Amino acid sequence: MNVYITAGTLDFLKKIESKYPNEHMAAMLNENGAILLHETNSQTVFNEPRKYEVLESYGQLAKKGFVVMNNISVTDEGRPLFEHQFKQHTKAIVNTKGLTALRLLRPLSSNPYIVMTIWEHETLYQKWLGTNSILDQLKANFDGPQKIFTSAPYVSKYTIAGDSSS
């Protein structure tokens, strides 16, 4: 399974999404603009997307929700360790109240990895964040002599731009 991400205006991205109703796509919006995510086992319909392989998957993409993307740049040497440690944490995360989907996305052509979580509402994410942080948990496991991160991780938050009829 692969995920492809492209950016554009929300109107343009919603037109692409509606043109391919049988594809798993989700248009997302934040204060910086809009992106369209395409999850598929085949080729994407996007011209020049960012490309990712799905390493861990829980739940389905929905047409509503609050999306948190933890962007984590990892050294080539650190990738196996990062992926192993994240897979260990997945088991604890997927049973969280309000979490509807999770994806660990390995970049196919560059950095960063994306740890994407989708929540029913932002308030449920904030409640979970008060007691947990994916980044803090992962950092705690990598505080040894081996430095696997190439830069500071950052978080992008989006709201899924669902159908206007819903």
Protein backbone atom coordinates (compact mmCIF):
# COMPACT_ATOMS: atom_id res chain seq x y z
CA MET A 1 0.00 0.00 0.00
CA ASN A 2 1.23 3.48 -0.86
CA VAL A 3 0.15 6.98 0.05
CA TYR A 4 0.57 9.95 -2.28
CA ILE A 5 0.17 13.57 -1.18
CA THR A 6 -0.29 16.63 -3.34
CA ALA A 7 -1.08 20.26 -2.54
CA GLY A 8 -3.31 22.87 -4.14
CA THR A 9 -6.38 24.94 -3.53
CA LEU A 10 -9.18 23.16 -1.71
CA ASP A 11 -11.57 23.63 -4.64
CA PHE A 12 -9.09 22.09 -7.09
CA LEU A 13 -8.30 19.16 -4.80
CA LYS A 14 -11.99 18.48 -4.10
CA LYS A 15 -12.57 18.31 -7.89
CA ILE A 16 -9.85 15.65 -8.19
CA GLU A 17 -11.35 13.76 -5.26
CA SER A 18 -14.86 13.83 -6.75
CA LYS A 19 -13.54 12.77 -10.17
CA TYR A 20 -12.30 9.48 -8.65
CA PRO A 21 -15.08 8.36 -6.26
CA ASN A 22 -13.79 4.77 -6.06
CA GLU A 23 -10.33 5.82 -4.83
CA HIS A 24 -9.43 6.26 -1.14
CA MET A 25 -8.77 10.00 -1.00
CA ALA A 26 -9.11 12.67 1.65
CA ALA A 27 -8.81 16.42 1.16
CA MET A 28 -7.39 18.18 4.21
CA LEU A 29 -7.21 21.83 5.16
CA ASN A 30 -5.25 23.93 7.65
CA GLU A 31 -4.21 27.57 8.01
CA ASN A 32 -1.39 27.08 5.47
CA GLY A 33 -3.48 25.54 2.67
CA ALA A 34 -4.86 22.25 1.47
CA ILE A 35 -3.51 18.81 0.62
CA LEU A 36 -5.04 15.72 -0.94
CA LEU A 37 -4.00 12.30 0.28
CA HIS A 38 -4.45 9.25 -1.99
CA GLU A 39 -4.08 5.76 -0.51
CA THR A 40 -3.82 2.97 -3.09
CA ASN A 41 -2.22 -0.32 -4.10
CA SER A 42 -1.84 0.94 -7.66
CA GLN A 43 -0.60 4.12 -9.34
CA THR A 44 -1.77 7.53 -8.22
CA VAL A 45 -3.71 9.98 -10.36
CA PHE A 46 -1.50 12.88 -9.16
CA ASN A 47 1.15 14.34 -11.48
CA GLU A 48 3.93 15.13 -8.99
CA PRO A 49 3.07 13.80 -5.53
CA ARG A 50 5.15 13.18 -2.45
CA LYS A 51 5.35 9.37 -2.30
CA TYR A 52 5.21 7.12 0.77
CA GLU A 53 5.03 3.42 1.54
CA VAL A 54 2.59 2.45 4.32
CA LEU A 55 4.52 0.47 6.96
CA GLU A 56 1.84 0.35 9.65
CA SER A 57 -1.88 0.79 9.16
CA TYR A 58 -4.88 0.91 11.47
CA GLY A 59 -8.40 2.00 10.55
CA GLN A 60 -9.73 3.49 7.35
CA LEU A 61 -9.50 6.95 5.81
CA ALA A 62 -12.77 8.75 6.49
CA LYS A 63 -14.41 11.82 5.01
CA LYS A 64 -14.26 13.62 8.37
CA GLY A 65 -11.89 14.01 11.28
CA PHE A 66 -8.88 15.81 12.72
CA VAL A 67 -5.50 14.79 11.27
CA VAL A 68 -2.13 15.07 12.98
CA MET A 69 1.01 14.45 10.93
CA ASN A 70 4.23 14.05 12.90
CA ASN A 71 7.04 14.69 10.40
CA ILE A 72 10.22 12.93 11.52
CA SER A 73 13.50 13.07 9.57
CA VAL A 74 15.60 9.96 10.17
CA THR A 75 19.13 9.08 9.05
CA ASP A 76 19.50 6.21 6.57
CA GLU A 77 21.30 4.18 9.23
CA GLY A 78 18.57 4.90 11.79
CA ARG A 79 15.61 3.85 9.65
CA PRO A 80 15.48 0.16 10.73
CA LEU A 81 15.68 1.10 14.41
CA PHE A 82 13.07 3.86 14.06
CA GLU A 83 10.64 1.57 12.21
CA HIS A 84 11.09 -1.23 14.76
CA GLN A 85 10.54 1.08 17.73
CA PHE A 86 7.50 2.71 16.17
CA LYS A 87 5.88 -0.66 15.45
CA GLN A 88 6.29 -1.49 19.15
CA HIS A 89 4.39 1.70 20.11
CA THR A 90 1.59 1.15 17.59
CA LYS A 91 -0.06 -1.48 19.76
CA ALA A 92 -0.57 0.97 22.61
CA ILE A 93 -1.76 3.83 20.41
CA VAL A 94 -4.45 2.08 18.32
CA ASN A 95 -6.76 1.44 21.28
CA THR A 96 -6.96 5.13 22.18
CA LYS A 97 -10.48 6.55 22.45
CA GLY A 98 -11.27 8.76 19.47
CA LEU A 99 -8.48 7.48 17.21
CA THR A 100 -10.00 6.34 13.92
CA ALA A 101 -6.88 5.70 11.81
CA LEU A 102 -3.09 5.59 12.00
CA ARG A 103 -0.44 5.33 9.28
CA LEU A 104 3.33 5.10 9.48
CA LEU A 105 4.52 6.44 6.13
CA ARG A 106 8.06 5.74 4.88
CA PRO A 107 9.18 8.33 2.33
CA LEU A 108 10.10 6.78 -1.03
CA SER A 109 12.26 9.60 -2.33
CA SER A 110 13.25 11.84 0.58
CA ASN A 111 12.63 12.61 4.25
CA PRO A 112 10.64 12.87 6.49
CA TYR A 113 8.69 9.88 7.71
CA ILE A 114 5.12 10.80 8.57
CA VAL A 115 3.27 9.37 11.54
CA MET A 116 -0.34 10.22 10.68
CA THR A 117 -3.14 9.86 13.18
CA ILE A 118 -6.78 10.65 12.46
CA TRP A 119 -9.11 11.51 15.33
CA GLU A 120 -12.89 11.89 15.61
CA HIS A 121 -12.41 15.39 17.07
CA GLU A 122 -9.51 17.66 18.00
CA THR A 123 -10.62 17.58 21.64
CA LEU A 124 -10.02 13.81 21.82
CA TYR A 125 -6.54 14.29 20.36
CA GLN A 126 -5.80 17.06 22.89
CA LYS A 127 -6.98 14.83 25.74
CA TRP A 128 -4.69 11.99 24.55
CA LEU A 129 -1.82 14.41 23.98
CA GLY A 130 -2.04 15.48 27.62
CA THR A 131 -0.93 11.99 28.64
CA ASN A 132 1.07 10.83 25.60
CA SER A 133 3.16 12.06 22.74
CA ILE A 134 4.37 9.90 19.89
CA LEU A 135 7.43 12.09 19.53
CA ASP A 136 8.25 12.01 23.25
CA GLN A 137 7.88 8.24 23.37
CA LEU A 138 10.09 7.74 20.35
CA LYS A 139 12.71 10.25 21.54
CA ALA A 140 12.90 8.44 24.89
CA ASN A 141 13.91 5.27 23.06
CA PHE A 142 16.64 7.01 21.06
CA ASP A 143 18.46 8.90 23.79
CA GLY A 144 21.50 6.65 23.42
CA PRO A 145 24.76 7.41 21.62
CA GLN A 146 23.28 6.70 18.19
CA LYS A 147 21.72 9.85 16.75
CA ILE A 148 19.04 8.82 14.27
CA PHE A 149 17.19 12.11 13.72
CA THR A 150 18.56 14.52 11.11
CA SER A 151 16.50 17.51 12.29
CA ALA A 152 13.87 18.45 14.82
CA PRO A 153 10.50 16.80 14.17
CA TYR A 154 7.51 19.02 13.49
CA VAL A 155 3.75 18.57 13.55
CA SER A 156 1.18 19.53 10.90
CA LYS A 157 -2.52 19.51 11.81
CA TYR A 158 -5.42 19.37 9.37
CA THR A 159 -9.17 19.04 9.28
CA ILE A 160 -10.55 16.63 6.70
CA ALA A 161 -12.65 18.64 4.28
CA GLY A 162 -15.64 16.30 4.09
CA ASP A 163 -18.53 16.41 1.72
CA SER A 164 -20.44 19.68 1.93
CA SER A 165 -23.63 17.64 2.18
CA SER A 166 -22.58 16.03 5.49
